[in-house]
Amino acid sequence: MSTPSLLTRQRPLPTRLNTADLLRITADVADQVRDGAWSHLLPPAGGWPTDDRWCRQLFADDDLDVWAISWVPDRTTELHDHGGSLGALTVVDGALAEWRWTGDRLRERRLASGAQAAFPLGWVHDVTWAASGTSALTADGTGAIAPALSVHAYSPPLTVMSYYEVTERHSLRRVRAELTDIPERPKRV
């Protein structure tokens, strides 16, 4: 009888939910946001901040927290992971760019309105606003850059994020970890 290798042994998830569950939840909540069900927690039309990111927790329990997050130009979250939490997002309005660490480089993908992304354990990425051409968030006719809006879910609820830099040798170096109850903290670039 042989014992399983540590490399092939499956690590149990820290939650009863999986990324498919989180994608379904963010899609459902994104639809509710579009239909106005969460408008009492969101800025009014034309009232979205255009110079800084905005976020609001929409739901939280022992298994899950769900957030609405707006994104504006010139802000980055920095390369980060979500500690021991799984995550997912659905873009409600506008567009995002995600820079994901692939093991030897950063790879970009664009997420337009309706697109989704899931974040398993160990997923290291940076998320930023991306030009989309249209957005319903600032329909005030001022020509202001419209923020993007996304819905995020984390399970278990987010408590820590680690931040990384890419080294000259094309590897990741963790530079800090922060206890947090606010996802995707912005940094001015």
N, C-alpha and C. Protein backbone atom coordinates (compact mmCIF):
# COMPACT_ATOMS: atom_id res chain seq x y z
N MET A 1 0.85 -1.17 0.00
CA MET A 1 0.00 0.00 0.00
C MET A 1 0.90 1.23 0.00
N SER A 2 0.64 2.15 -0.91
CA SER A 2 1.43 3.38 -0.96
C SER A 2 0.63 4.54 -0.40
N THR A 3 1.33 5.51 0.12
CA THR A 3 0.67 6.71 0.63
C THR A 3 0.65 7.77 -0.45
N PRO A 4 -0.40 8.58 -0.52
CA PRO A 4 -0.47 9.60 -1.56
C PRO A 4 0.64 10.64 -1.38
N SER A 5 1.15 11.10 -2.49
CA SER A 5 2.16 12.15 -2.48
C SER A 5 1.54 13.45 -1.99
N LEU A 6 2.33 14.24 -1.30
CA LEU A 6 1.85 15.56 -0.87
C LEU A 6 1.49 16.42 -2.06
N LEU A 7 2.13 16.19 -3.20
CA LEU A 7 1.86 17.00 -4.38
C LEU A 7 0.54 16.66 -5.03
N THR A 8 0.03 15.46 -4.84
CA THR A 8 -1.23 15.07 -5.47
C THR A 8 -2.41 15.12 -4.51
N ARG A 9 -2.17 15.31 -3.25
CA ARG A 9 -3.23 15.34 -2.27
C ARG A 9 -4.06 16.63 -2.44
N GLN A 10 -5.36 16.50 -2.48
CA GLN A 10 -6.24 17.65 -2.61
C GLN A 10 -6.36 18.38 -1.28
N ARG A 11 -6.20 19.68 -1.31
CA ARG A 11 -6.38 20.49 -0.11
C ARG A 11 -7.86 20.85 -0.01
N PRO A 12 -8.47 20.62 1.14
CA PRO A 12 -9.89 20.96 1.26
C PRO A 12 -10.10 22.46 1.18
N LEU A 13 -11.22 22.85 0.62
CA LEU A 13 -11.54 24.27 0.52
C LEU A 13 -11.89 24.82 1.90
N PRO A 14 -11.64 26.12 2.12
CA PRO A 14 -11.94 26.72 3.41
C PRO A 14 -13.42 27.10 3.55
N THR A 15 -14.25 26.69 2.62
CA THR A 15 -15.65 27.09 2.58
C THR A 15 -16.48 26.00 1.92
N ARG A 16 -17.76 26.00 2.19
CA ARG A 16 -18.64 25.03 1.53
C ARG A 16 -19.01 25.47 0.12
N LEU A 17 -18.77 26.76 -0.20
CA LEU A 17 -19.04 27.28 -1.54
C LEU A 17 -17.83 27.06 -2.44
N ASN A 18 -18.05 27.01 -3.75
CA ASN A 18 -16.93 26.93 -4.69
C ASN A 18 -17.03 28.11 -5.67
N THR A 19 -16.06 28.22 -6.57
CA THR A 19 -16.06 29.38 -7.47
C THR A 19 -17.27 29.39 -8.39
N ALA A 20 -17.79 28.23 -8.78
CA ALA A 20 -19.01 28.20 -9.60
C ALA A 20 -20.19 28.81 -8.84
N ASP A 21 -20.28 28.52 -7.54
CA ASP A 21 -21.32 29.13 -6.71
C ASP A 21 -21.17 30.64 -6.68
N LEU A 22 -19.93 31.10 -6.52
CA LEU A 22 -19.67 32.54 -6.43
C LEU A 22 -19.96 33.24 -7.75
N LEU A 23 -19.66 32.61 -8.87
CA LEU A 23 -20.00 33.19 -10.17
C LEU A 23 -21.52 33.32 -10.32
N ARG A 24 -22.26 32.30 -9.90
CA ARG A 24 -23.72 32.37 -9.96
C ARG A 24 -24.25 33.48 -9.08
N ILE A 25 -23.71 33.60 -7.87
CA ILE A 25 -24.15 34.64 -6.93
C ILE A 25 -23.86 36.03 -7.49
N THR A 26 -22.65 36.25 -8.02
CA THR A 26 -22.35 37.59 -8.56
C THR A 26 -23.20 37.90 -9.78
N ALA A 27 -23.50 36.90 -10.61
CA ALA A 27 -24.37 37.14 -11.76
C ALA A 27 -25.78 37.52 -11.31
N ASP A 28 -26.30 36.80 -10.31
CA ASP A 28 -27.63 37.10 -9.78
C ASP A 28 -27.69 38.51 -9.17
N VAL A 29 -26.69 38.85 -8.37
CA VAL A 29 -26.68 40.17 -7.73
C VAL A 29 -26.47 41.27 -8.78
N ALA A 30 -25.64 41.02 -9.79
CA ALA A 30 -25.44 42.00 -10.86
C ALA A 30 -26.76 42.28 -11.58
N ASP A 31 -27.54 41.22 -11.85
CA ASP A 31 -28.87 41.41 -12.45
C ASP A 31 -29.76 42.24 -11.54
N GLN A 32 -29.72 41.97 -10.24
CA GLN A 32 -30.52 42.74 -9.28
C GLN A 32 -30.09 44.21 -9.25
N VAL A 33 -28.78 44.46 -9.33
CA VAL A 33 -28.28 45.84 -9.37
C VAL A 33 -28.81 46.53 -10.62
N ARG A 34 -28.73 45.88 -11.77
CA ARG A 34 -29.25 46.47 -13.02
C ARG A 34 -30.74 46.75 -12.92
N ASP A 35 -31.48 45.90 -12.20
CA ASP A 35 -32.93 46.06 -12.05
C ASP A 35 -33.31 47.04 -10.95
N GLY A 36 -32.33 47.60 -10.23
CA GLY A 36 -32.61 48.61 -9.21
C GLY A 36 -32.85 48.08 -7.81
N ALA A 37 -32.70 46.77 -7.59
CA ALA A 37 -33.00 46.19 -6.27
C ALA A 37 -32.05 46.70 -5.18
N TRP A 38 -30.86 47.13 -5.55
CA TRP A 38 -29.88 47.59 -4.56
C TRP A 38 -29.68 49.11 -4.63
N SER A 39 -30.55 49.82 -5.31
CA SER A 39 -30.35 51.27 -5.52
C SER A 39 -30.29 52.05 -4.21
N HIS A 40 -30.91 51.54 -3.16
CA HIS A 40 -30.86 52.23 -1.87
C HIS A 40 -29.46 52.20 -1.26
N LEU A 41 -28.57 51.33 -1.75
CA LEU A 41 -27.20 51.26 -1.25
C LEU A 41 -26.17 51.83 -2.22
N LEU A 42 -26.62 52.23 -3.41
CA LEU A 42 -25.71 52.72 -4.44
C LEU A 42 -25.87 54.23 -4.61
N PRO A 43 -24.83 54.90 -5.11
CA PRO A 43 -24.97 56.34 -5.40
C PRO A 43 -26.06 56.57 -6.44
N PRO A 44 -26.71 57.73 -6.40
CA PRO A 44 -27.74 58.01 -7.40
C PRO A 44 -27.12 58.22 -8.78
N ALA A 45 -27.94 58.13 -9.82
CA ALA A 45 -27.47 58.38 -11.18
C ALA A 45 -26.76 59.73 -11.23
N GLY A 46 -25.59 59.77 -11.83
CA GLY A 46 -24.81 61.00 -11.91
C GLY A 46 -24.04 61.31 -10.64
N GLY A 47 -24.22 60.51 -9.57
CA GLY A 47 -23.55 60.77 -8.30
C GLY A 47 -22.38 59.85 -8.01
N TRP A 48 -21.99 59.06 -9.00
CA TRP A 48 -20.87 58.14 -8.80
C TRP A 48 -19.56 58.92 -8.74
N PRO A 49 -18.70 58.62 -7.77
CA PRO A 49 -17.39 59.27 -7.74
C PRO A 49 -16.62 58.96 -9.02
N THR A 50 -15.99 59.98 -9.60
CA THR A 50 -15.22 59.77 -10.82
C THR A 50 -13.72 59.96 -10.57
N ASP A 51 -13.35 60.32 -9.34
CA ASP A 51 -11.93 60.52 -9.05
C ASP A 51 -11.38 59.50 -8.06
N ASP A 52 -12.22 58.64 -7.52
CA ASP A 52 -11.76 57.62 -6.60
C ASP A 52 -12.70 56.44 -6.67
N ARG A 53 -12.20 55.30 -6.30
CA ARG A 53 -13.00 54.09 -6.30
C ARG A 53 -14.00 54.14 -5.14
N TRP A 54 -15.11 53.46 -5.31
CA TRP A 54 -16.16 53.40 -4.30
C TRP A 54 -16.53 51.94 -4.11
N CYS A 55 -16.86 51.54 -2.87
CA CYS A 55 -17.35 50.19 -2.65
C CYS A 55 -18.38 50.18 -1.54
N ARG A 56 -19.26 49.19 -1.58
CA ARG A 56 -20.30 49.02 -0.57
C ARG A 56 -20.59 47.55 -0.41
N GLN A 57 -20.59 47.08 0.84
CA GLN A 57 -20.96 45.70 1.10
C GLN A 57 -22.47 45.58 0.95
N LEU A 58 -22.90 44.61 0.15
CA LEU A 58 -24.32 44.39 -0.09
C LEU A 58 -24.89 43.28 0.78
N PHE A 59 -24.04 42.31 1.15
CA PHE A 59 -24.50 41.16 1.92
C PHE A 59 -23.32 40.55 2.64
N ALA A 60 -23.55 40.03 3.83
CA ALA A 60 -22.51 39.30 4.55
C ALA A 60 -23.14 38.31 5.52
N ASP A 61 -22.56 37.11 5.57
CA ASP A 61 -22.88 36.14 6.60
C ASP A 61 -21.61 35.35 6.90
N ASP A 62 -21.73 34.24 7.60
CA ASP A 62 -20.54 33.47 7.98
C ASP A 62 -19.82 32.85 6.78
N ASP A 63 -20.53 32.61 5.67
CA ASP A 63 -19.97 31.94 4.50
C ASP A 63 -19.54 32.87 3.38
N LEU A 64 -20.08 34.09 3.35
CA LEU A 64 -20.01 34.87 2.13
C LEU A 64 -20.09 36.36 2.41
N ASP A 65 -19.34 37.16 1.65
CA ASP A 65 -19.64 38.59 1.58
C ASP A 65 -19.68 39.00 0.13
N VAL A 66 -20.61 39.92 -0.18
CA VAL A 66 -20.85 40.39 -1.54
C VAL A 66 -20.72 41.91 -1.54
N TRP A 67 -19.99 42.42 -2.54
CA TRP A 67 -19.67 43.85 -2.63
C TRP A 67 -20.01 44.40 -4.00
N ALA A 68 -20.43 45.65 -4.04
CA ALA A 68 -20.47 46.44 -5.28
C ALA A 68 -19.23 47.33 -5.24
N ILE A 69 -18.48 47.35 -6.33
CA ILE A 69 -17.24 48.13 -6.39
C ILE A 69 -17.23 48.93 -7.69
N SER A 70 -16.97 50.23 -7.58
CA SER A 70 -16.80 51.04 -8.79
C SER A 70 -15.31 51.23 -9.03
N TRP A 71 -14.96 51.43 -10.29
CA TRP A 71 -13.57 51.53 -10.72
C TRP A 71 -13.41 52.77 -11.57
N VAL A 72 -12.33 53.51 -11.36
CA VAL A 72 -12.05 54.73 -12.10
C VAL A 72 -10.63 54.67 -12.66
N PRO A 73 -10.34 55.49 -13.67
CA PRO A 73 -8.98 55.51 -14.22
C PRO A 73 -7.94 55.89 -13.15
N ASP A 74 -6.72 55.52 -13.40
CA ASP A 74 -5.57 55.89 -12.57
C ASP A 74 -5.61 55.30 -11.17
N ARG A 75 -6.29 54.19 -11.00
CA ARG A 75 -6.29 53.46 -9.74
C ARG A 75 -5.97 52.01 -10.05
N THR A 76 -5.21 51.40 -9.19
CA THR A 76 -4.89 49.98 -9.31
C THR A 76 -5.04 49.36 -7.94
N THR A 77 -5.32 48.08 -7.90
CA THR A 77 -5.41 47.39 -6.61
C THR A 77 -4.07 46.85 -6.19
N GLU A 78 -3.08 46.89 -7.06
CA GLU A 78 -1.78 46.25 -6.90
C GLU A 78 -1.97 44.75 -7.08
N LEU A 79 -0.89 44.06 -7.40
CA LEU A 79 -0.94 42.60 -7.47
C LEU A 79 -1.26 42.06 -6.08
N HIS A 80 -2.28 41.23 -5.98
CA HIS A 80 -2.70 40.73 -4.67
C HIS A 80 -3.39 39.38 -4.81
N ASP A 81 -3.53 38.71 -3.67
CA ASP A 81 -4.40 37.54 -3.59
C ASP A 81 -5.45 37.84 -2.53
N HIS A 82 -6.33 36.91 -2.30
CA HIS A 82 -7.42 37.10 -1.35
C HIS A 82 -7.26 36.20 -0.13
N GLY A 83 -6.00 35.94 0.25
CA GLY A 83 -5.73 35.13 1.43
C GLY A 83 -6.38 33.77 1.28
N GLY A 84 -7.15 33.36 2.26
CA GLY A 84 -7.81 32.06 2.25
C GLY A 84 -9.21 32.10 1.69
N SER A 85 -9.55 33.15 0.94
CA SER A 85 -10.89 33.27 0.38
C SER A 85 -10.90 33.00 -1.11
N LEU A 86 -11.92 32.31 -1.56
CA LEU A 86 -12.21 32.20 -2.99
C LEU A 86 -12.93 33.47 -3.40
N GLY A 87 -12.91 33.81 -4.68
CA GLY A 87 -13.60 35.01 -5.11
C GLY A 87 -14.14 34.88 -6.52
N ALA A 88 -15.05 35.79 -6.84
CA ALA A 88 -15.59 35.89 -8.19
C ALA A 88 -16.13 37.29 -8.38
N LEU A 89 -16.23 37.70 -9.64
CA LEU A 89 -16.83 39.00 -9.95
C LEU A 89 -17.65 38.89 -11.22
N THR A 90 -18.61 39.80 -11.33
CA THR A 90 -19.37 40.02 -12.56
C THR A 90 -19.34 41.52 -12.82
N VAL A 91 -19.00 41.91 -14.05
CA VAL A 91 -19.00 43.32 -14.43
C VAL A 91 -20.43 43.73 -14.72
N VAL A 92 -20.92 44.74 -14.01
CA VAL A 92 -22.28 45.24 -14.18
C VAL A 92 -22.34 46.27 -15.29
N ASP A 93 -21.35 47.17 -15.32
CA ASP A 93 -21.36 48.28 -16.27
C ASP A 93 -19.93 48.72 -16.53
N GLY A 94 -19.63 49.12 -17.76
CA GLY A 94 -18.28 49.53 -18.09
C GLY A 94 -17.41 48.32 -18.37
N ALA A 95 -16.10 48.48 -18.13
CA ALA A 95 -15.16 47.39 -18.41
C ALA A 95 -13.99 47.44 -17.43
N LEU A 96 -13.40 46.28 -17.18
CA LEU A 96 -12.24 46.16 -16.31
C LEU A 96 -11.12 45.45 -17.08
N ALA A 97 -9.90 45.70 -16.63
CA ALA A 97 -8.75 44.94 -17.10
C ALA A 97 -8.21 44.18 -15.90
N GLU A 98 -7.94 42.90 -16.11
CA GLU A 98 -7.34 42.09 -15.05
C GLU A 98 -5.97 41.64 -15.52
N TRP A 99 -4.97 41.89 -14.68
CA TRP A 99 -3.61 41.42 -14.93
C TRP A 99 -3.37 40.27 -13.97
N ARG A 100 -3.27 39.03 -14.51
CA ARG A 100 -3.17 37.83 -13.71
C ARG A 100 -1.76 37.24 -13.82
N TRP A 101 -1.24 36.79 -12.68
CA TRP A 101 0.07 36.13 -12.67
C TRP A 101 -0.11 34.70 -13.15
N THR A 102 0.65 34.29 -14.19
CA THR A 102 0.52 32.95 -14.77
C THR A 102 1.58 31.98 -14.28
N GLY A 103 2.49 32.45 -13.45
CA GLY A 103 3.57 31.61 -12.97
C GLY A 103 4.92 32.09 -13.45
N ASP A 104 4.92 32.84 -14.57
CA ASP A 104 6.17 33.40 -15.06
C ASP A 104 6.00 34.78 -15.69
N ARG A 105 4.75 35.23 -15.78
CA ARG A 105 4.50 36.57 -16.34
C ARG A 105 3.08 37.02 -16.00
N LEU A 106 2.81 38.29 -16.29
CA LEU A 106 1.47 38.83 -16.13
C LEU A 106 0.74 38.72 -17.47
N ARG A 107 -0.50 38.31 -17.41
CA ARG A 107 -1.32 38.18 -18.61
C ARG A 107 -2.57 39.03 -18.42
N GLU A 108 -2.90 39.83 -19.43
CA GLU A 108 -4.06 40.72 -19.34
C GLU A 108 -5.28 40.09 -20.00
N ARG A 109 -6.42 40.34 -19.39
CA ARG A 109 -7.69 40.04 -20.05
C ARG A 109 -8.64 41.19 -19.78
N ARG A 110 -9.49 41.49 -20.74
CA ARG A 110 -10.50 42.54 -20.61
C ARG A 110 -11.82 41.89 -20.23
N LEU A 111 -12.51 42.53 -19.34
CA LEU A 111 -13.81 42.05 -18.88
C LEU A 111 -14.84 43.14 -19.16
N ALA A 112 -15.65 42.94 -20.16
CA ALA A 112 -16.69 43.91 -20.53
C ALA A 112 -17.94 43.66 -19.70
N SER A 113 -18.91 44.55 -19.83
CA SER A 113 -20.17 44.42 -19.11
C SER A 113 -20.75 43.02 -19.31
N GLY A 114 -21.08 42.35 -18.21
CA GLY A 114 -21.62 41.00 -18.23
C GLY A 114 -20.57 39.91 -18.07
N ALA A 115 -19.30 40.25 -18.28
CA ALA A 115 -18.23 39.24 -18.16
C ALA A 115 -18.01 38.87 -16.70
N GLN A 116 -17.46 37.68 -16.50
CA GLN A 116 -17.20 37.17 -15.16
C GLN A 116 -15.78 36.66 -15.04
N ALA A 117 -15.29 36.62 -13.81
CA ALA A 117 -13.99 36.03 -13.50
C ALA A 117 -14.10 35.38 -12.14
N ALA A 118 -13.41 34.25 -11.98
CA ALA A 118 -13.37 33.55 -10.69
C ALA A 118 -11.94 33.51 -10.20
N PHE A 119 -11.77 33.51 -8.88
CA PHE A 119 -10.45 33.56 -8.27
C PHE A 119 -10.29 32.42 -7.28
N PRO A 120 -9.67 31.32 -7.71
CA PRO A 120 -9.41 30.22 -6.77
C PRO A 120 -8.33 30.61 -5.77
N LEU A 121 -8.09 29.76 -4.80
CA LEU A 121 -7.02 30.01 -3.84
C LEU A 121 -5.69 30.17 -4.58
N GLY A 122 -4.89 31.15 -4.17
CA GLY A 122 -3.60 31.37 -4.78
C GLY A 122 -3.61 32.25 -6.01
N TRP A 123 -4.77 32.71 -6.45
CA TRP A 123 -4.89 33.56 -7.64
C TRP A 123 -4.31 34.93 -7.30
N VAL A 124 -3.31 35.37 -8.05
CA VAL A 124 -2.69 36.67 -7.85
C VAL A 124 -3.01 37.53 -9.07
N HIS A 125 -3.59 38.70 -8.82
CA HIS A 125 -4.00 39.56 -9.92
C HIS A 125 -4.04 41.02 -9.50
N ASP A 126 -4.21 41.88 -10.48
CA ASP A 126 -4.44 43.30 -10.30
C ASP A 126 -5.63 43.64 -11.17
N VAL A 127 -6.54 44.46 -10.68
CA VAL A 127 -7.73 44.83 -11.43
C VAL A 127 -7.74 46.35 -11.58
N THR A 128 -8.06 46.82 -12.79
CA THR A 128 -8.12 48.24 -13.07
C THR A 128 -9.32 48.56 -13.96
N TRP A 129 -9.68 49.82 -13.98
CA TRP A 129 -10.68 50.34 -14.91
C TRP A 129 -10.15 50.20 -16.32
N ALA A 130 -11.03 49.93 -17.28
CA ALA A 130 -10.65 49.88 -18.68
C ALA A 130 -11.66 50.68 -19.49
N ALA A 131 -11.18 51.37 -20.48
CA ALA A 131 -12.07 52.14 -21.35
C ALA A 131 -13.03 51.18 -22.05
N SER A 132 -14.31 51.54 -22.04
CA SER A 132 -15.30 50.67 -22.68
C SER A 132 -16.08 51.39 -23.76
N GLY A 133 -15.99 52.71 -23.80
CA GLY A 133 -16.75 53.47 -24.77
C GLY A 133 -18.09 53.94 -24.24
N THR A 134 -18.75 53.12 -23.41
CA THR A 134 -20.05 53.52 -22.87
C THR A 134 -20.19 53.07 -21.43
N SER A 135 -20.98 53.82 -20.69
CA SER A 135 -21.34 53.44 -19.33
C SER A 135 -22.58 54.22 -18.94
N ALA A 136 -23.47 53.58 -18.23
CA ALA A 136 -24.69 54.24 -17.78
C ALA A 136 -24.51 54.95 -16.44
N LEU A 137 -23.35 54.81 -15.80
CA LEU A 137 -23.20 55.33 -14.44
C LEU A 137 -23.16 56.85 -14.37
N THR A 138 -22.60 57.53 -15.36
CA THR A 138 -22.60 58.99 -15.35
C THR A 138 -23.28 59.48 -16.61
N ALA A 139 -24.56 59.53 -16.55
CA ALA A 139 -25.35 59.99 -17.69
C ALA A 139 -25.73 61.46 -17.49
N ASP A 140 -24.77 62.26 -17.02
CA ASP A 140 -25.08 63.64 -16.71
C ASP A 140 -24.68 64.61 -17.82
N GLY A 141 -24.12 64.09 -18.91
CA GLY A 141 -23.78 64.94 -20.04
C GLY A 141 -22.55 65.81 -19.85
N THR A 142 -21.79 65.62 -18.77
CA THR A 142 -20.63 66.47 -18.51
C THR A 142 -19.40 66.01 -19.25
N GLY A 143 -19.45 64.84 -19.83
CA GLY A 143 -18.27 64.29 -20.50
C GLY A 143 -17.28 63.68 -19.53
N ALA A 144 -17.63 63.55 -18.26
CA ALA A 144 -16.75 62.95 -17.27
C ALA A 144 -16.52 61.48 -17.61
N ILE A 145 -15.35 60.99 -17.27
CA ILE A 145 -15.05 59.58 -17.45
C ILE A 145 -15.98 58.79 -16.54
N ALA A 146 -16.67 57.81 -17.10
CA ALA A 146 -17.62 57.03 -16.32
C ALA A 146 -16.89 55.87 -15.63
N PRO A 147 -17.15 55.66 -14.36
CA PRO A 147 -16.58 54.51 -13.68
C PRO A 147 -17.21 53.22 -14.19
N ALA A 148 -16.51 52.13 -13.97
CA ALA A 148 -17.08 50.80 -14.21
C ALA A 148 -17.64 50.31 -12.88
N LEU A 149 -18.56 49.39 -12.92
CA LEU A 149 -19.16 48.82 -11.71
C LEU A 149 -19.13 47.31 -11.80
N SER A 150 -18.72 46.67 -10.71
CA SER A 150 -18.70 45.21 -10.66
C SER A 150 -19.24 44.75 -9.32
N VAL A 151 -19.70 43.50 -9.30
CA VAL A 151 -20.15 42.84 -8.08
C VAL A 151 -19.16 41.72 -7.79
N HIS A 152 -18.67 41.68 -6.53
CA HIS A 152 -17.68 40.69 -6.10
C HIS A 152 -18.26 39.86 -4.96
N ALA A 153 -17.88 38.59 -4.92
CA ALA A 153 -18.26 37.72 -3.80
C ALA A 153 -17.01 36.99 -3.32
N TYR A 154 -16.88 36.85 -2.01
CA TYR A 154 -15.75 36.16 -1.39
C TYR A 154 -16.27 35.16 -0.38
N SER A 155 -15.66 33.97 -0.38
CA SER A 155 -16.04 32.95 0.58
C SER A 155 -14.81 32.14 0.97
N PRO A 156 -14.55 32.00 2.28
CA PRO A 156 -15.22 32.71 3.36
C PRO A 156 -15.00 34.21 3.22
N PRO A 157 -15.76 35.01 3.98
CA PRO A 157 -15.61 36.46 3.86
C PRO A 157 -14.14 36.89 3.94
N LEU A 158 -13.81 37.88 3.14
CA LEU A 158 -12.45 38.36 3.02
C LEU A 158 -11.93 38.92 4.35
N THR A 159 -10.76 38.46 4.77
CA THR A 159 -10.15 38.98 6.01
C THR A 159 -8.71 39.41 5.83
N VAL A 160 -8.04 38.88 4.79
CA VAL A 160 -6.62 39.22 4.59
C VAL A 160 -6.33 39.24 3.09
N MET A 161 -5.45 40.15 2.71
CA MET A 161 -4.95 40.19 1.33
C MET A 161 -3.44 40.30 1.39
N SER A 162 -2.75 39.55 0.54
CA SER A 162 -1.30 39.66 0.40
C SER A 162 -1.01 40.40 -0.89
N TYR A 163 0.03 41.22 -0.87
CA TYR A 163 0.42 42.03 -2.03
C TYR A 163 1.79 41.59 -2.52
N TYR A 164 2.00 41.67 -3.84
CA TYR A 164 3.18 41.10 -4.47
C TYR A 164 3.82 42.09 -5.43
N GLU A 165 5.09 41.81 -5.75
CA GLU A 165 5.77 42.50 -6.84
C GLU A 165 6.44 41.44 -7.70
N VAL A 166 6.64 41.77 -8.98
CA VAL A 166 7.34 40.89 -9.89
C VAL A 166 8.82 41.24 -9.80
N THR A 167 9.64 40.24 -9.57
CA THR A 167 11.08 40.47 -9.42
C THR A 167 11.77 40.51 -10.78
N GLU A 168 13.02 40.91 -10.77
CA GLU A 168 13.82 40.92 -12.00
C GLU A 168 13.99 39.52 -12.57
N ARG A 169 13.85 38.51 -11.73
CA ARG A 169 13.99 37.11 -12.17
C ARG A 169 12.65 36.52 -12.62
N HIS A 170 11.65 37.36 -12.80
CA HIS A 170 10.32 36.95 -13.27
C HIS A 170 9.66 35.95 -12.33
N SER A 171 9.72 36.28 -11.06
CA SER A 171 9.00 35.52 -10.05
C SER A 171 8.24 36.51 -9.18
N LEU A 172 7.39 36.01 -8.34
CA LEU A 172 6.63 36.88 -7.43
C LEU A 172 7.31 36.94 -6.08
N ARG A 173 7.29 38.11 -5.50
CA ARG A 173 7.77 38.30 -4.13
C ARG A 173 6.62 38.97 -3.36
N ARG A 174 6.22 38.32 -2.26
CA ARG A 174 5.21 38.94 -1.40
C ARG A 174 5.87 40.07 -0.65
N VAL A 175 5.24 41.27 -0.72
CA VAL A 175 5.82 42.44 -0.06
C VAL A 175 5.10 42.80 1.23
N ARG A 176 3.85 42.36 1.36
CA ARG A 176 3.14 42.61 2.61
C ARG A 176 1.81 41.85 2.60
N ALA A 177 1.27 41.67 3.78
CA ALA A 177 -0.07 41.13 3.94
C ALA A 177 -0.82 42.08 4.86
N GLU A 178 -2.09 42.30 4.57
CA GLU A 178 -2.89 43.22 5.37
C GLU A 178 -4.19 42.56 5.78
N LEU A 179 -4.53 42.70 7.05
CA LEU A 179 -5.87 42.34 7.48
C LEU A 179 -6.82 43.37 6.90
N THR A 180 -7.96 42.93 6.40
CA THR A 180 -8.87 43.86 5.75
C THR A 180 -10.29 43.37 5.83
N ASP A 181 -11.21 44.28 5.76
CA ASP A 181 -12.60 43.94 5.56
C ASP A 181 -13.15 44.72 4.36
N ILE A 182 -12.24 45.32 3.57
CA ILE A 182 -12.61 46.06 2.37
C ILE A 182 -11.84 45.45 1.19
N PRO A 183 -12.54 44.93 0.19
CA PRO A 183 -11.85 44.28 -0.93
C PRO A 183 -11.22 45.27 -1.89
N GLU A 184 -10.20 44.81 -2.61
CA GLU A 184 -9.63 45.53 -3.73
C GLU A 184 -9.31 46.99 -3.44
N ARG A 185 -8.56 47.24 -2.37
CA ARG A 185 -8.21 48.61 -2.00
C ARG A 185 -7.48 49.31 -3.13
N PRO A 186 -7.85 50.55 -3.41
CA PRO A 186 -7.24 51.23 -4.56
C PRO A 186 -5.91 51.89 -4.21
N LYS A 187 -5.09 52.06 -5.21
CA LYS A 187 -3.83 52.78 -5.11
C LYS A 187 -3.73 53.69 -6.33
N ARG A 188 -3.38 54.94 -6.12
CA ARG A 188 -3.22 55.87 -7.24
C ARG A 188 -1.96 55.50 -8.01
N VAL A 189 -2.05 55.49 -9.34
CA VAL A 189 -0.88 55.18 -10.18
C VAL A 189 -0.35 56.44 -10.83
